């Protein structure tokens, strides 16, 4: 649950695009 300066969200140490489903947090989908 957090994004860096590049606009990527971090999920369990992995970077996902800002619109990714699991952008909400570690294993927690934003929807």
Foldseek 3Di string as FASTA:
>chain_A
DDADPVQWADEPNDTDHVPDQCSPYHVDGPD
